[in-house]
Amino acid sequence: MWAVEGLTSVDEAFPEDAAPADERRWLAAAGTTLASERRSIIFEVVARMIFHTVLLFSVFLLFTAHSAPGGGFAGGIVAGLALAIRYLAGGPFELAEAAPVAVGLLLGVGLLIASATALCPPLWGADTLEAASWDGRLPLIGHLHLSTSLLFDVGVYLIVVGLVLDILNSLGAEVDRQADAG
């Protein structure tokens, strides 16, 4: 048994009220209502380990391809894939931990940014969707090239991520309901 003075059981060595409930859980989805036969601890751990790396890769795609077609869309699809993996690993509770944002706000901001960068160039005499760019030098960073196509891609990125979150929240919740009922 325990060789610690005065302790006769594991419950005395590690009392329930020693730490708040959130600090005792190792996985964020440990308190979910997912049935044990639908959970895979290995999948949950791997999903949480690779999530941030995949998100960084999606941001890399967003910024490196902003002068080429598909930067915002490709980056948004990769970020959506990372969110879908988190959803598959832990259900809606894990998705809420991974992306605690309002989906409607994300979609609205994305639409606002994309439409503003597409429709504002005629205000200064340019054609619709014409890109403007700025080249400058920043201390510690060096040469910096910014263009309005990057802003458009950021808007598309937010739209794609928002749509994936909306699909996972709405359709995924229905699939979960049907799986629990059947």
N, C-alpha and C. Protein backbone atom coordinates (compact mmCIF):
# COMPACT_ATOMS: atom_id res chain seq x y z
N MET A 1 0.85 -1.19 0.00
CA MET A 1 0.00 0.00 0.00
C MET A 1 0.88 1.23 0.00
N TRP A 2 0.36 2.35 0.44
CA TRP A 2 1.09 3.61 0.44
C TRP A 2 2.02 3.69 1.64
N ALA A 3 3.23 4.18 1.37
CA ALA A 3 4.21 4.30 2.44
C ALA A 3 4.35 5.74 2.90
N VAL A 4 3.30 6.53 2.71
CA VAL A 4 3.32 7.93 3.13
C VAL A 4 2.66 8.02 4.50
N GLU A 5 3.27 8.77 5.38
CA GLU A 5 2.75 8.89 6.74
C GLU A 5 1.34 9.46 6.77
N GLY A 6 0.45 8.79 7.45
CA GLY A 6 -0.88 9.31 7.69
C GLY A 6 -1.86 9.09 6.56
N LEU A 7 -1.41 8.58 5.41
CA LEU A 7 -2.32 8.36 4.29
C LEU A 7 -2.63 6.87 4.18
N THR A 8 -3.89 6.57 4.11
CA THR A 8 -4.29 5.17 4.06
C THR A 8 -4.89 4.77 2.72
N SER A 9 -5.17 5.74 1.84
CA SER A 9 -5.74 5.40 0.54
C SER A 9 -5.32 6.41 -0.50
N VAL A 10 -5.58 6.06 -1.74
CA VAL A 10 -5.28 6.96 -2.85
C VAL A 10 -6.16 8.20 -2.76
N ASP A 11 -7.40 8.07 -2.29
CA ASP A 11 -8.30 9.22 -2.18
C ASP A 11 -7.76 10.26 -1.22
N GLU A 12 -7.08 9.86 -0.19
CA GLU A 12 -6.49 10.83 0.73
C GLU A 12 -5.27 11.48 0.12
N ALA A 13 -4.52 10.75 -0.71
CA ALA A 13 -3.33 11.31 -1.33
C ALA A 13 -3.68 12.32 -2.40
N PHE A 14 -4.77 12.09 -3.13
CA PHE A 14 -5.20 12.98 -4.20
C PHE A 14 -6.66 13.35 -3.99
N PRO A 15 -6.94 14.29 -3.12
CA PRO A 15 -8.33 14.65 -2.87
C PRO A 15 -8.97 15.31 -4.08
N GLU A 16 -10.29 15.13 -4.20
CA GLU A 16 -11.04 15.68 -5.32
C GLU A 16 -11.00 17.20 -5.39
N ASP A 17 -10.99 17.86 -4.23
CA ASP A 17 -11.05 19.32 -4.22
C ASP A 17 -9.67 19.98 -4.24
N ALA A 18 -8.62 19.23 -4.53
CA ALA A 18 -7.27 19.79 -4.54
C ALA A 18 -7.05 20.74 -5.71
N ALA A 19 -7.67 20.47 -6.84
CA ALA A 19 -7.51 21.32 -8.02
C ALA A 19 -8.87 21.50 -8.67
N PRO A 20 -9.07 22.62 -9.35
CA PRO A 20 -10.33 22.80 -10.06
C PRO A 20 -10.51 21.71 -11.12
N ALA A 21 -11.76 21.46 -11.48
CA ALA A 21 -12.07 20.37 -12.41
C ALA A 21 -11.38 20.55 -13.75
N ASP A 22 -11.26 21.80 -14.24
CA ASP A 22 -10.64 22.02 -15.54
C ASP A 22 -9.16 21.66 -15.52
N GLU A 23 -8.49 21.82 -14.41
CA GLU A 23 -7.07 21.51 -14.35
C GLU A 23 -6.82 20.03 -14.19
N ARG A 24 -7.79 19.25 -13.75
CA ARG A 24 -7.61 17.82 -13.56
C ARG A 24 -7.74 17.05 -14.86
N ARG A 25 -8.47 17.58 -15.83
CA ARG A 25 -8.69 16.86 -17.08
C ARG A 25 -7.47 16.99 -17.98
N TRP A 26 -7.04 15.86 -18.53
CA TRP A 26 -5.91 15.87 -19.43
C TRP A 26 -6.33 16.24 -20.83
N LEU A 27 -7.46 15.73 -21.28
CA LEU A 27 -8.00 16.07 -22.59
C LEU A 27 -9.21 16.97 -22.40
N ALA A 28 -9.36 17.93 -23.29
CA ALA A 28 -10.48 18.87 -23.17
C ALA A 28 -11.81 18.16 -23.32
N ALA A 29 -11.86 17.13 -24.12
CA ALA A 29 -13.12 16.43 -24.36
C ALA A 29 -13.35 15.30 -23.38
N ALA A 30 -12.56 15.21 -22.33
CA ALA A 30 -12.70 14.11 -21.39
C ALA A 30 -14.06 14.14 -20.70
N GLY A 31 -14.67 15.30 -20.59
CA GLY A 31 -15.96 15.39 -19.94
C GLY A 31 -17.12 15.40 -20.90
N THR A 32 -16.92 14.99 -22.15
CA THR A 32 -18.00 15.02 -23.13
C THR A 32 -18.96 13.88 -22.89
N THR A 33 -20.06 13.95 -23.63
CA THR A 33 -21.07 12.91 -23.51
C THR A 33 -20.90 11.83 -24.57
N LEU A 34 -19.77 11.81 -25.26
CA LEU A 34 -19.54 10.78 -26.25
C LEU A 34 -19.49 9.42 -25.57
N ALA A 35 -20.13 8.47 -26.19
CA ALA A 35 -20.10 7.11 -25.65
C ALA A 35 -18.70 6.55 -25.76
N SER A 36 -18.33 5.71 -24.81
CA SER A 36 -16.96 5.20 -24.78
C SER A 36 -16.64 4.36 -26.01
N GLU A 37 -17.62 3.71 -26.62
CA GLU A 37 -17.35 2.92 -27.82
C GLU A 37 -17.12 3.80 -29.05
N ARG A 38 -17.47 5.07 -28.97
CA ARG A 38 -17.25 6.01 -30.08
C ARG A 38 -15.99 6.83 -29.90
N ARG A 39 -15.29 6.67 -28.79
CA ARG A 39 -14.10 7.47 -28.51
C ARG A 39 -12.83 6.67 -28.77
N SER A 40 -11.82 7.38 -29.22
CA SER A 40 -10.50 6.80 -29.39
C SER A 40 -9.51 7.78 -28.77
N ILE A 41 -8.92 7.38 -27.66
CA ILE A 41 -7.99 8.27 -26.96
C ILE A 41 -6.79 8.60 -27.84
N ILE A 42 -6.30 7.61 -28.59
CA ILE A 42 -5.14 7.85 -29.45
C ILE A 42 -5.49 8.89 -30.52
N PHE A 43 -6.67 8.74 -31.12
CA PHE A 43 -7.10 9.71 -32.14
C PHE A 43 -7.26 11.10 -31.54
N GLU A 44 -7.82 11.19 -30.33
CA GLU A 44 -7.98 12.48 -29.67
C GLU A 44 -6.63 13.13 -29.41
N VAL A 45 -5.68 12.36 -28.93
CA VAL A 45 -4.35 12.92 -28.62
C VAL A 45 -3.65 13.36 -29.90
N VAL A 46 -3.68 12.53 -30.94
CA VAL A 46 -3.02 12.88 -32.20
C VAL A 46 -3.69 14.10 -32.82
N ALA A 47 -5.01 14.17 -32.77
CA ALA A 47 -5.72 15.32 -33.32
C ALA A 47 -5.32 16.61 -32.61
N ARG A 48 -5.20 16.55 -31.29
CA ARG A 48 -4.81 17.74 -30.53
C ARG A 48 -3.35 18.09 -30.79
N MET A 49 -2.50 17.08 -31.03
CA MET A 49 -1.08 17.35 -31.27
C MET A 49 -0.85 18.01 -32.62
N ILE A 50 -1.56 17.58 -33.66
CA ILE A 50 -1.30 18.11 -34.99
C ILE A 50 -2.14 19.33 -35.33
N PHE A 51 -3.13 19.66 -34.51
CA PHE A 51 -4.07 20.73 -34.83
C PHE A 51 -3.37 22.06 -35.10
N HIS A 52 -2.53 22.49 -34.20
CA HIS A 52 -1.89 23.79 -34.34
C HIS A 52 -0.89 23.82 -35.50
N THR A 53 -0.24 22.71 -35.75
CA THR A 53 0.68 22.64 -36.88
C THR A 53 -0.07 22.77 -38.20
N VAL A 54 -1.21 22.12 -38.30
CA VAL A 54 -2.01 22.20 -39.52
C VAL A 54 -2.55 23.62 -39.70
N LEU A 55 -2.96 24.26 -38.61
CA LEU A 55 -3.41 25.65 -38.71
C LEU A 55 -2.29 26.57 -39.16
N LEU A 56 -1.09 26.37 -38.65
CA LEU A 56 0.05 27.18 -39.11
C LEU A 56 0.32 26.95 -40.59
N PHE A 57 0.19 25.72 -41.03
CA PHE A 57 0.37 25.44 -42.45
C PHE A 57 -0.70 26.14 -43.28
N SER A 58 -1.92 26.21 -42.78
CA SER A 58 -2.98 26.90 -43.52
C SER A 58 -2.69 28.40 -43.63
N VAL A 59 -2.16 28.98 -42.57
CA VAL A 59 -1.79 30.40 -42.62
C VAL A 59 -0.61 30.60 -43.57
N PHE A 60 0.32 29.66 -43.59
CA PHE A 60 1.43 29.70 -44.54
C PHE A 60 0.90 29.70 -45.97
N LEU A 61 -0.07 28.82 -46.25
CA LEU A 61 -0.68 28.80 -47.59
C LEU A 61 -1.36 30.12 -47.91
N LEU A 62 -2.01 30.70 -46.93
CA LEU A 62 -2.70 31.97 -47.12
C LEU A 62 -1.71 33.06 -47.53
N PHE A 63 -0.59 33.18 -46.82
CA PHE A 63 0.34 34.27 -47.07
C PHE A 63 1.28 34.02 -48.24
N THR A 64 1.65 32.79 -48.51
CA THR A 64 2.59 32.57 -49.61
C THR A 64 1.91 32.61 -50.96
N ALA A 65 0.65 32.32 -51.04
CA ALA A 65 -0.02 32.27 -52.33
C ALA A 65 -0.90 33.49 -52.57
N HIS A 66 -0.69 34.58 -51.82
CA HIS A 66 -1.60 35.71 -52.00
C HIS A 66 -1.42 36.41 -53.33
N SER A 67 -0.31 36.21 -54.01
CA SER A 67 -0.15 36.76 -55.34
C SER A 67 -0.49 35.74 -56.41
N ALA A 68 -0.78 34.55 -56.02
CA ALA A 68 -1.18 33.49 -56.94
C ALA A 68 -2.62 33.08 -56.61
N PRO A 69 -3.31 32.46 -57.55
CA PRO A 69 -4.69 32.06 -57.28
C PRO A 69 -4.78 31.00 -56.19
N GLY A 70 -5.80 31.11 -55.37
CA GLY A 70 -6.13 30.04 -54.45
C GLY A 70 -5.53 30.11 -53.07
N GLY A 71 -4.85 31.16 -52.69
CA GLY A 71 -4.22 31.21 -51.37
C GLY A 71 -5.21 31.17 -50.24
N GLY A 72 -6.23 32.00 -50.28
CA GLY A 72 -7.22 32.04 -49.22
C GLY A 72 -8.10 30.80 -49.20
N PHE A 73 -8.45 30.31 -50.38
CA PHE A 73 -9.30 29.13 -50.44
C PHE A 73 -8.55 27.89 -49.99
N ALA A 74 -7.34 27.71 -50.48
CA ALA A 74 -6.55 26.53 -50.10
C ALA A 74 -6.24 26.55 -48.60
N GLY A 75 -5.86 27.70 -48.09
CA GLY A 75 -5.59 27.81 -46.65
C GLY A 75 -6.83 27.57 -45.83
N GLY A 76 -7.97 28.06 -46.28
CA GLY A 76 -9.22 27.85 -45.56
C GLY A 76 -9.64 26.40 -45.56
N ILE A 77 -9.41 25.70 -46.67
CA ILE A 77 -9.74 24.27 -46.73
C ILE A 77 -8.86 23.48 -45.76
N VAL A 78 -7.57 23.82 -45.69
CA VAL A 78 -6.67 23.12 -44.77
C VAL A 78 -7.06 23.40 -43.32
N ALA A 79 -7.41 24.65 -43.01
CA ALA A 79 -7.86 24.97 -41.65
C ALA A 79 -9.18 24.26 -41.34
N GLY A 80 -10.07 24.18 -42.31
CA GLY A 80 -11.32 23.45 -42.13
C GLY A 80 -11.09 21.97 -41.91
N LEU A 81 -10.09 21.42 -42.58
CA LEU A 81 -9.73 20.02 -42.37
C LEU A 81 -9.25 19.79 -40.94
N ALA A 82 -8.44 20.72 -40.42
CA ALA A 82 -7.97 20.61 -39.03
C ALA A 82 -9.14 20.66 -38.06
N LEU A 83 -10.10 21.54 -38.31
CA LEU A 83 -11.28 21.63 -37.45
C LEU A 83 -12.15 20.38 -37.56
N ALA A 84 -12.26 19.81 -38.76
CA ALA A 84 -13.04 18.59 -38.94
C ALA A 84 -12.39 17.42 -38.19
N ILE A 85 -11.07 17.37 -38.18
CA ILE A 85 -10.38 16.31 -37.43
C ILE A 85 -10.67 16.46 -35.94
N ARG A 86 -10.63 17.69 -35.44
CA ARG A 86 -10.96 17.89 -34.02
C ARG A 86 -12.39 17.49 -33.73
N TYR A 87 -13.31 17.77 -34.66
CA TYR A 87 -14.70 17.38 -34.46
C TYR A 87 -14.85 15.87 -34.44
N LEU A 88 -14.18 15.19 -35.35
CA LEU A 88 -14.25 13.73 -35.39
C LEU A 88 -13.64 13.11 -34.14
N ALA A 89 -12.63 13.75 -33.59
CA ALA A 89 -11.96 13.20 -32.42
C ALA A 89 -12.80 13.34 -31.15
N GLY A 90 -13.46 14.48 -30.98
CA GLY A 90 -14.15 14.69 -29.71
C GLY A 90 -15.56 15.20 -29.79
N GLY A 91 -16.11 15.31 -30.97
CA GLY A 91 -17.49 15.77 -31.10
C GLY A 91 -17.62 17.27 -30.98
N PRO A 92 -18.83 17.74 -30.75
CA PRO A 92 -19.08 19.18 -30.72
C PRO A 92 -18.38 19.90 -29.58
N PHE A 93 -18.12 19.20 -28.48
CA PHE A 93 -17.44 19.85 -27.36
C PHE A 93 -15.99 20.15 -27.71
N GLU A 94 -15.34 19.23 -28.39
CA GLU A 94 -13.95 19.44 -28.82
C GLU A 94 -13.88 20.54 -29.87
N LEU A 95 -14.87 20.60 -30.76
CA LEU A 95 -14.90 21.66 -31.76
C LEU A 95 -15.09 23.02 -31.10
N ALA A 96 -15.91 23.09 -30.07
CA ALA A 96 -16.10 24.35 -29.35
C ALA A 96 -14.83 24.78 -28.64
N GLU A 97 -14.04 23.82 -28.16
CA GLU A 97 -12.75 24.15 -27.55
C GLU A 97 -11.75 24.64 -28.59
N ALA A 98 -11.80 24.04 -29.79
CA ALA A 98 -10.85 24.37 -30.84
C ALA A 98 -11.15 25.71 -31.49
N ALA A 99 -12.42 26.03 -31.65
CA ALA A 99 -12.81 27.27 -32.35
C ALA A 99 -13.92 27.97 -31.58
N PRO A 100 -13.56 28.69 -30.52
CA PRO A 100 -14.58 29.39 -29.73
C PRO A 100 -14.97 30.74 -30.35
N VAL A 101 -15.48 30.70 -31.57
CA VAL A 101 -15.86 31.92 -32.27
C VAL A 101 -17.31 31.81 -32.71
N ALA A 102 -17.93 32.94 -32.92
CA ALA A 102 -19.29 32.97 -33.47
C ALA A 102 -19.19 32.79 -34.98
N VAL A 103 -19.83 31.76 -35.49
CA VAL A 103 -19.72 31.43 -36.91
C VAL A 103 -20.29 32.54 -37.78
N GLY A 104 -21.41 33.10 -37.38
CA GLY A 104 -22.00 34.19 -38.15
C GLY A 104 -21.10 35.41 -38.23
N LEU A 105 -20.43 35.73 -37.14
CA LEU A 105 -19.49 36.85 -37.14
C LEU A 105 -18.31 36.57 -38.06
N LEU A 106 -17.80 35.35 -38.03
CA LEU A 106 -16.69 34.97 -38.89
C LEU A 106 -17.07 35.08 -40.36
N LEU A 107 -18.25 34.57 -40.71
CA LEU A 107 -18.73 34.67 -42.08
C LEU A 107 -18.96 36.12 -42.50
N GLY A 108 -19.56 36.91 -41.61
CA GLY A 108 -19.83 38.31 -41.92
C GLY A 108 -18.57 39.13 -42.13
N VAL A 109 -17.58 38.94 -41.27
CA VAL A 109 -16.32 39.67 -41.42
C VAL A 109 -15.61 39.25 -42.70
N GLY A 110 -15.63 37.94 -43.00
CA GLY A 110 -15.02 37.47 -44.24
C GLY A 110 -15.69 38.04 -45.47
N LEU A 111 -17.03 38.06 -45.47
CA LEU A 111 -17.76 38.64 -46.61
C LEU A 111 -17.50 40.14 -46.74
N LEU A 112 -17.43 40.82 -45.61
CA LEU A 112 -17.16 42.26 -45.64
C LEU A 112 -15.78 42.55 -46.21
N ILE A 113 -14.77 41.83 -45.75
CA ILE A 113 -13.40 42.06 -46.24
C ILE A 113 -13.30 41.73 -47.73
N ALA A 114 -13.83 40.57 -48.14
CA ALA A 114 -13.72 40.16 -49.54
C ALA A 114 -14.48 41.11 -50.45
N SER A 115 -15.69 41.48 -50.07
CA SER A 115 -16.47 42.37 -50.95
C SER A 115 -15.91 43.79 -50.96
N ALA A 116 -15.38 44.25 -49.83
CA ALA A 116 -14.80 45.60 -49.80
C ALA A 116 -13.57 45.69 -50.68
N THR A 117 -12.71 44.68 -50.63
CA THR A 117 -11.51 44.73 -51.48
C THR A 117 -11.84 44.52 -52.94
N ALA A 118 -12.98 43.87 -53.23
CA ALA A 118 -13.39 43.68 -54.62
C ALA A 118 -14.08 44.91 -55.19
N LEU A 119 -14.87 45.61 -54.36
CA LEU A 119 -15.70 46.70 -54.87
C LEU A 119 -15.17 48.10 -54.61
N CYS A 120 -14.15 48.25 -53.79
CA CYS A 120 -13.62 49.58 -53.49
C CYS A 120 -12.68 50.18 -54.54
N PRO A 121 -11.97 49.40 -55.35
CA PRO A 121 -11.08 50.03 -56.33
C PRO A 121 -11.74 51.03 -57.27
N PRO A 122 -13.00 50.86 -57.68
CA PRO A 122 -13.60 51.91 -58.52
C PRO A 122 -13.70 53.27 -57.83
N LEU A 123 -13.65 53.30 -56.51
CA LEU A 123 -13.71 54.58 -55.81
C LEU A 123 -12.49 55.46 -56.09
N TRP A 124 -11.34 54.86 -56.41
CA TRP A 124 -10.15 55.65 -56.75
C TRP A 124 -9.78 55.53 -58.22
N GLY A 125 -10.77 55.13 -59.05
CA GLY A 125 -10.59 55.15 -60.49
C GLY A 125 -10.03 53.88 -61.09
N ALA A 126 -9.91 52.84 -60.34
CA ALA A 126 -9.40 51.56 -60.87
C ALA A 126 -10.57 50.65 -61.23
N ASP A 127 -10.25 49.55 -61.86
CA ASP A 127 -11.28 48.58 -62.22
C ASP A 127 -11.64 47.73 -61.00
N THR A 128 -12.84 47.13 -61.04
CA THR A 128 -13.27 46.24 -59.98
C THR A 128 -12.31 45.06 -59.89
N LEU A 129 -11.97 44.67 -58.68
CA LEU A 129 -11.04 43.57 -58.38
C LEU A 129 -9.60 43.86 -58.83
N GLU A 130 -9.30 45.09 -59.18
CA GLU A 130 -7.91 45.41 -59.53
C GLU A 130 -7.09 45.50 -58.24
N ALA A 131 -5.92 44.91 -58.28
CA ALA A 131 -5.08 44.86 -57.08
C ALA A 131 -4.18 46.08 -57.01
N ALA A 132 -4.02 46.60 -55.81
CA ALA A 132 -3.05 47.65 -55.54
C ALA A 132 -2.01 47.05 -54.61
N SER A 133 -0.78 47.52 -54.72
CA SER A 133 0.26 46.94 -53.88
C SER A 133 1.10 48.03 -53.25
N TRP A 134 1.81 47.64 -52.21
CA TRP A 134 2.70 48.53 -51.48
C TRP A 134 3.99 47.78 -51.17
N ASP A 135 5.08 48.39 -51.51
CA ASP A 135 6.39 47.83 -51.18
C ASP A 135 7.06 48.76 -50.19
N GLY A 136 7.58 48.17 -49.14
CA GLY A 136 8.24 48.98 -48.12
C GLY A 136 9.31 48.18 -47.39
N ARG A 137 9.98 48.87 -46.51
CA ARG A 137 11.03 48.25 -45.72
C ARG A 137 10.71 48.50 -44.26
N LEU A 138 10.63 47.44 -43.48
CA LEU A 138 10.37 47.54 -42.06
C LEU A 138 11.61 47.11 -41.28
N PRO A 139 11.88 47.80 -40.16
CA PRO A 139 13.03 47.37 -39.36
C PRO A 139 12.83 45.96 -38.83
N LEU A 140 13.88 45.21 -38.80
CA LEU A 140 13.94 43.83 -38.33
C LEU A 140 13.26 42.83 -39.26
N ILE A 141 12.39 43.29 -40.12
CA ILE A 141 11.70 42.37 -41.04
C ILE A 141 12.33 42.44 -42.42
N GLY A 142 12.66 43.63 -42.85
CA GLY A 142 13.24 43.80 -44.18
C GLY A 142 12.18 44.21 -45.18
N HIS A 143 12.36 43.75 -46.41
CA HIS A 143 11.45 44.10 -47.49
C HIS A 143 10.08 43.48 -47.25
N LEU A 144 9.04 44.29 -47.43
CA LEU A 144 7.67 43.82 -47.22
C LEU A 144 6.83 44.22 -48.43
N HIS A 145 6.13 43.26 -48.99
CA HIS A 145 5.25 43.51 -50.12
C HIS A 145 3.83 43.18 -49.70
N LEU A 146 2.95 44.16 -49.70
CA LEU A 146 1.54 43.96 -49.37
C LEU A 146 0.69 44.30 -50.58
N SER A 147 -0.38 43.56 -50.75
CA SER A 147 -1.29 43.88 -51.84
C SER A 147 -2.73 43.65 -51.39
N THR A 148 -3.65 44.24 -52.12
CA THR A 148 -5.06 44.09 -51.76
C THR A 148 -5.55 42.67 -52.05
N SER A 149 -4.82 41.95 -52.89
CA SER A 149 -5.20 40.55 -53.11
C SER A 149 -5.01 39.72 -51.84
N LEU A 150 -4.07 40.13 -50.99
CA LEU A 150 -3.90 39.46 -49.70
C LEU A 150 -5.13 39.69 -48.82
N LEU A 151 -5.65 40.91 -48.81
CA LEU A 151 -6.87 41.19 -48.05
C LEU A 151 -8.05 40.38 -48.58
N PHE A 152 -8.15 40.29 -49.91
CA PHE A 152 -9.22 39.48 -50.50
C PHE A 152 -9.09 38.03 -50.08
N ASP A 153 -7.85 37.51 -50.11
CA ASP A 153 -7.62 36.13 -49.69
C ASP A 153 -7.93 35.92 -48.21
N VAL A 154 -7.66 36.90 -47.37
CA VAL A 154 -8.01 36.79 -45.95
C VAL A 154 -9.53 36.68 -45.80
N GLY A 155 -10.27 37.47 -46.57
CA GLY A 155 -11.73 37.38 -46.55
C GLY A 155 -12.22 36.02 -46.99
N VAL A 156 -11.64 35.49 -48.07
CA VAL A 156 -12.03 34.16 -48.55
C VAL A 156 -11.68 33.10 -47.51
N TYR A 157 -10.52 33.21 -46.88
CA TYR A 157 -10.09 32.28 -45.83
C TYR A 157 -11.11 32.25 -44.69
N LEU A 158 -11.54 33.43 -44.24
CA LEU A 158 -12.51 33.50 -43.15
C LEU A 158 -13.86 32.92 -43.57
N ILE A 159 -14.27 33.14 -44.81
CA ILE A 159 -15.52 32.59 -45.30
C ILE A 159 -15.47 31.07 -45.32
N VAL A 160 -14.38 30.52 -45.84
CA VAL A 160 -14.27 29.06 -45.94
C VAL A 160 -14.23 28.42 -44.55
N VAL A 161 -13.46 29.00 -43.64
CA VAL A 161 -13.40 28.46 -42.27
C VAL A 161 -14.77 28.57 -41.60
N GLY A 162 -15.45 29.69 -41.80
CA GLY A 162 -16.78 29.87 -41.23
C GLY A 162 -17.79 28.87 -41.79
N LEU A 163 -17.72 28.61 -43.10
CA LEU A 163 -18.63 27.62 -43.69
C LEU A 163 -18.36 26.22 -43.17
N VAL A 164 -17.09 25.86 -43.03
CA VAL A 164 -16.77 24.53 -42.50
C VAL A 164 -17.29 24.41 -41.07
N LEU A 165 -17.08 25.44 -40.25
CA LEU A 165 -17.60 25.41 -38.88
C LEU A 165 -19.12 25.29 -38.86
N ASP A 166 -19.79 26.02 -39.75
CA ASP A 166 -21.25 25.97 -39.81
C ASP A 166 -21.73 24.58 -40.23
N ILE A 167 -21.06 23.99 -41.20
CA ILE A 167 -21.43 22.65 -41.64
C ILE A 167 -21.21 21.64 -40.52
N LEU A 168 -20.06 21.74 -39.85
CA LEU A 168 -19.80 20.80 -38.75
C LEU A 168 -20.80 20.98 -37.62
N ASN A 169 -21.16 22.21 -37.31
CA ASN A 169 -22.12 22.45 -36.22
C ASN A 169 -23.52 21.98 -36.57
N SER A 170 -23.97 22.24 -37.80
CA SER A 170 -25.35 21.90 -38.14
C SER A 170 -25.51 20.46 -38.60
N LEU A 171 -24.78 20.07 -39.62
CA LEU A 171 -24.93 18.71 -40.13
C LEU A 171 -24.32 17.68 -39.17
N GLY A 172 -23.21 18.02 -38.56
CA GLY A 172 -22.59 17.11 -37.61
C GLY A 172 -23.46 16.85 -36.41
N ALA A 173 -24.15 17.87 -35.95
CA ALA A 173 -25.05 17.69 -34.80
C ALA A 173 -26.20 16.75 -35.16
N GLU A 174 -26.70 16.84 -36.38
CA GLU A 174 -27.77 15.94 -36.80
C GLU A 174 -27.26 14.51 -36.93
N VAL A 175 -26.06 14.33 -37.45
CA VAL A 175 -25.48 12.99 -37.54
C VAL A 175 -25.29 12.41 -36.14
N ASP A 176 -24.84 13.24 -35.20
CA ASP A 176 -24.69 12.77 -33.82
C ASP A 176 -26.03 12.36 -33.21
N ARG A 177 -27.08 13.14 -33.46
CA ARG A 177 -28.40 12.80 -32.95
C ARG A 177 -28.89 11.47 -33.51
N GLN A 178 -28.69 11.26 -34.80
CA GLN A 178 -29.12 10.00 -35.43
C GLN A 178 -28.30 8.82 -34.91
N ALA A 179 -27.00 9.03 -34.66
CA ALA A 179 -26.16 7.95 -34.15
C ALA A 179 -26.57 7.59 -32.72
N ASP A 180 -26.93 8.60 -31.92
CA ASP A 180 -27.37 8.32 -30.55
C ASP A 180 -28.72 7.64 -30.52
N ALA A 181 -29.60 7.98 -31.48
CA ALA A 181 -30.93 7.39 -31.50
C ALA A 181 -30.91 5.95 -32.04
N GLY A 182 -29.99 5.68 -32.97
CA GLY A 182 -30.00 4.37 -33.63
C GLY A 182 -29.02 3.44 -33.11
